[in-house]
Structures are given as C-alpha cells and as structure tokens.
Protein backbone atom coordinates (compact mmCIF):
# COMPACT_ATOMS: atom_id res chain seq x y z
CA UNK A 1 -10.81 -6.30 12.63
CA UNK A 2 -11.80 -5.92 9.01
CA UNK A 3 -12.12 -8.96 6.63
CA UNK A 4 -8.90 -9.68 4.46
CA UNK A 5 -9.52 -9.98 0.88
CA UNK A 6 -7.05 -12.18 -0.78
CA UNK A 7 -4.66 -10.33 -2.89
CA UNK A 8 -4.82 -10.37 -6.86
CA UNK A 9 -1.95 -10.00 -9.13
CA UNK A 10 -2.23 -6.65 -11.21
CA UNK A 11 -0.10 -5.24 -13.77
CA UNK A 12 0.32 -2.19 -11.66
CA UNK A 13 3.85 -1.89 -9.87
CA UNK A 14 3.93 -0.32 -6.26
CA UNK A 15 4.57 3.26 -7.36
CA UNK A 16 1.73 3.28 -9.77
CA UNK A 17 -0.67 1.58 -7.37
CA UNK A 18 0.37 4.01 -4.55
CA UNK A 19 -0.24 7.06 -6.89
CA UNK A 20 -3.54 5.70 -8.29
CA UNK A 21 -5.04 5.59 -4.84
CA UNK A 22 -4.77 9.46 -4.86
CA UNK A 23 -3.85 9.42 -1.04
CA UNK A 24 -0.22 9.60 -1.47
CA UNK A 25 0.61 12.70 -3.34
CA UNK A 26 3.52 13.63 -0.82
CA UNK A 27 5.03 10.15 -0.87
CA UNK A 28 4.81 10.19 -4.77
CA UNK A 29 6.58 13.74 -4.82
CA UNK A 30 9.28 12.58 -2.41
CA UNK A 31 9.92 9.36 -4.40
CA UNK A 32 10.38 11.56 -7.52
CA UNK A 33 12.71 14.02 -5.61
CA UNK A 34 14.79 11.29 -4.20
CA UNK A 35 15.18 9.51 -7.78
CA UNK A 36 13.42 6.23 -6.39
CA UNK A 37 10.80 5.69 -8.77
CA UNK A 38 12.58 3.46 -11.10
CA UNK A 39 14.01 1.50 -8.18
CA UNK A 40 10.30 0.90 -6.67
CA UNK A 41 9.13 0.06 -10.13
CA UNK A 42 11.61 -3.04 -10.29
CA UNK A 43 10.96 -6.33 -9.11
CA UNK A 44 12.90 -5.94 -5.80
CA UNK A 45 14.25 -6.91 -3.35
CA UNK A 46 13.87 -3.32 -2.32
CA UNK A 47 10.73 -3.56 -0.31
CA UNK A 48 10.69 -2.60 3.54
CA UNK A 49 10.25 -6.21 3.93
CA UNK A 50 11.10 -8.51 1.14
CA UNK A 51 8.57 -10.96 -0.22
CA UNK A 52 4.64 -10.71 -0.62
CA UNK A 53 3.22 -10.49 2.86
CA UNK A 54 -0.28 -10.01 3.37
CA UNK A 55 -2.31 -8.61 6.22
CA UNK A 56 -3.17 -12.09 7.42
CA UNK A 57 0.59 -13.07 7.47
CA UNK A 58 1.52 -9.92 9.02
CA UNK A 59 -0.87 -10.57 11.97
CA UNK A 60 0.71 -13.89 12.92
CA UNK A 61 4.25 -12.43 12.95
CA UNK A 62 5.91 -10.74 15.94
CA UNK A 63 8.79 -9.40 13.96
CA UNK A 64 9.95 -8.99 10.40
CA UNK A 65 13.44 -8.38 9.05
CA UNK A 66 13.80 -5.40 6.44
CA UNK A 67 15.48 -5.54 3.23
CA UNK A 68 18.49 -3.66 4.96
CA UNK A 69 18.74 -6.37 7.72
CA UNK A 70 16.99 -4.40 10.51
CA UNK A 71 14.27 -5.65 12.65
CA UNK A 72 10.82 -4.26 12.93
CA UNK A 73 8.42 -5.38 15.79
CA UNK A 74 4.94 -6.35 15.04
CA UNK A 75 2.02 -6.67 17.38
CA UNK A 76 -1.62 -7.63 16.43
CA UNK A 77 -4.61 -7.36 18.77
CA UNK A 78 -7.68 -4.74 18.12
CA UNK A 79 -5.21 -3.00 15.62
CA UNK A 80 -2.02 -4.07 14.06
CA UNK A 81 1.32 -2.00 14.80
CA UNK A 82 4.69 -2.13 13.27
CA UNK A 83 7.04 -0.68 15.61
CA UNK A 84 4.96 2.51 16.78
CA UNK A 85 3.07 2.93 13.54
CA UNK A 86 -0.58 1.62 13.34
CA UNK A 87 -1.48 -0.18 10.06
CA UNK A 88 -4.33 1.75 8.69
CA UNK A 89 -5.05 -0.05 5.24
CA UNK A 90 -3.79 -3.46 3.96
CA UNK A 91 -3.28 -5.57 0.87
CA UNK A 92 -3.12 -2.88 -1.71
CA UNK A 93 -1.99 -5.03 -4.65
CA UNK A 94 0.72 -4.17 -6.89
CA UNK A 95 2.74 -6.24 -9.68
CA UNK A 96 5.90 -6.20 -7.50
CA UNK A 97 4.69 -6.57 -4.03
CA UNK A 98 1.90 -5.66 -1.43
CA UNK A 99 1.46 -2.17 0.07
CA UNK A 100 0.30 -1.87 3.51
CA UNK A 101 -0.44 1.94 4.56
CA UNK A 102 0.93 2.97 7.94
CA UNK A 103 0.22 6.27 10.05
CA UNK A 104 4.15 7.27 10.10
CA UNK A 105 7.51 6.62 8.72
CA UNK A 106 8.85 3.12 9.82
CA UNK A 107 12.34 3.21 11.10
CA UNK A 108 13.99 -0.09 12.15
CA UNK A 109 15.10 -0.30 15.81
C-alpha cells in the first residue's frame, strides 16, 4: 500500500481540483450538463460521504453512510474497495472536501 500523505487545505474546491488533474474531462462535462457545478463548489454536505475522510480513515472503516443515508461497504487489504469499486488514487485535496478516485460509479446498496 502506498504511503499516505496528510491532506493540506487548498483554496480549490472539489470541482476545480477534479478538473485541474486533467484526468476527469468526462466527469467535468457530466457535472456541467447535470447543472451540478455550483452544488459541488459549495461547502456541502453534498459529498457521497459527508465530512473529510482521508485514505487512512477509509482503510479503518467497514462501511460508510452517504449524504443520502445509504450505506457503502468498505474493505481494505492489498487494495481498498468501496462496494465493488477499487480505490485508485486518494487524498486529492480541495477546499470543500477530499477526493478519492475509484474505477467505477458508486451505487449505495
């Protein structure tokens, strides 16, 4: 497992941080089309999981409750999985949250 670097505050919200990585053009386009950009630039709680949960914190959990009240299962071993999604990148800092990249869309069970 990779070394986890502490998250630092930045003046970049989650949408700007996502777009700045250059890897999420389709997501950025979908956010704009769904008129969610302003919502995601806000202070929340709109996150899939409310709060600021770093990779170190996620690895200690077995489940998390989303902002809509649904549960996500979490398993940590050689890799971290949230439901059936593998966590690919962690702790991308934003002024209004922390971004963790997964390999598929998360759907609460």
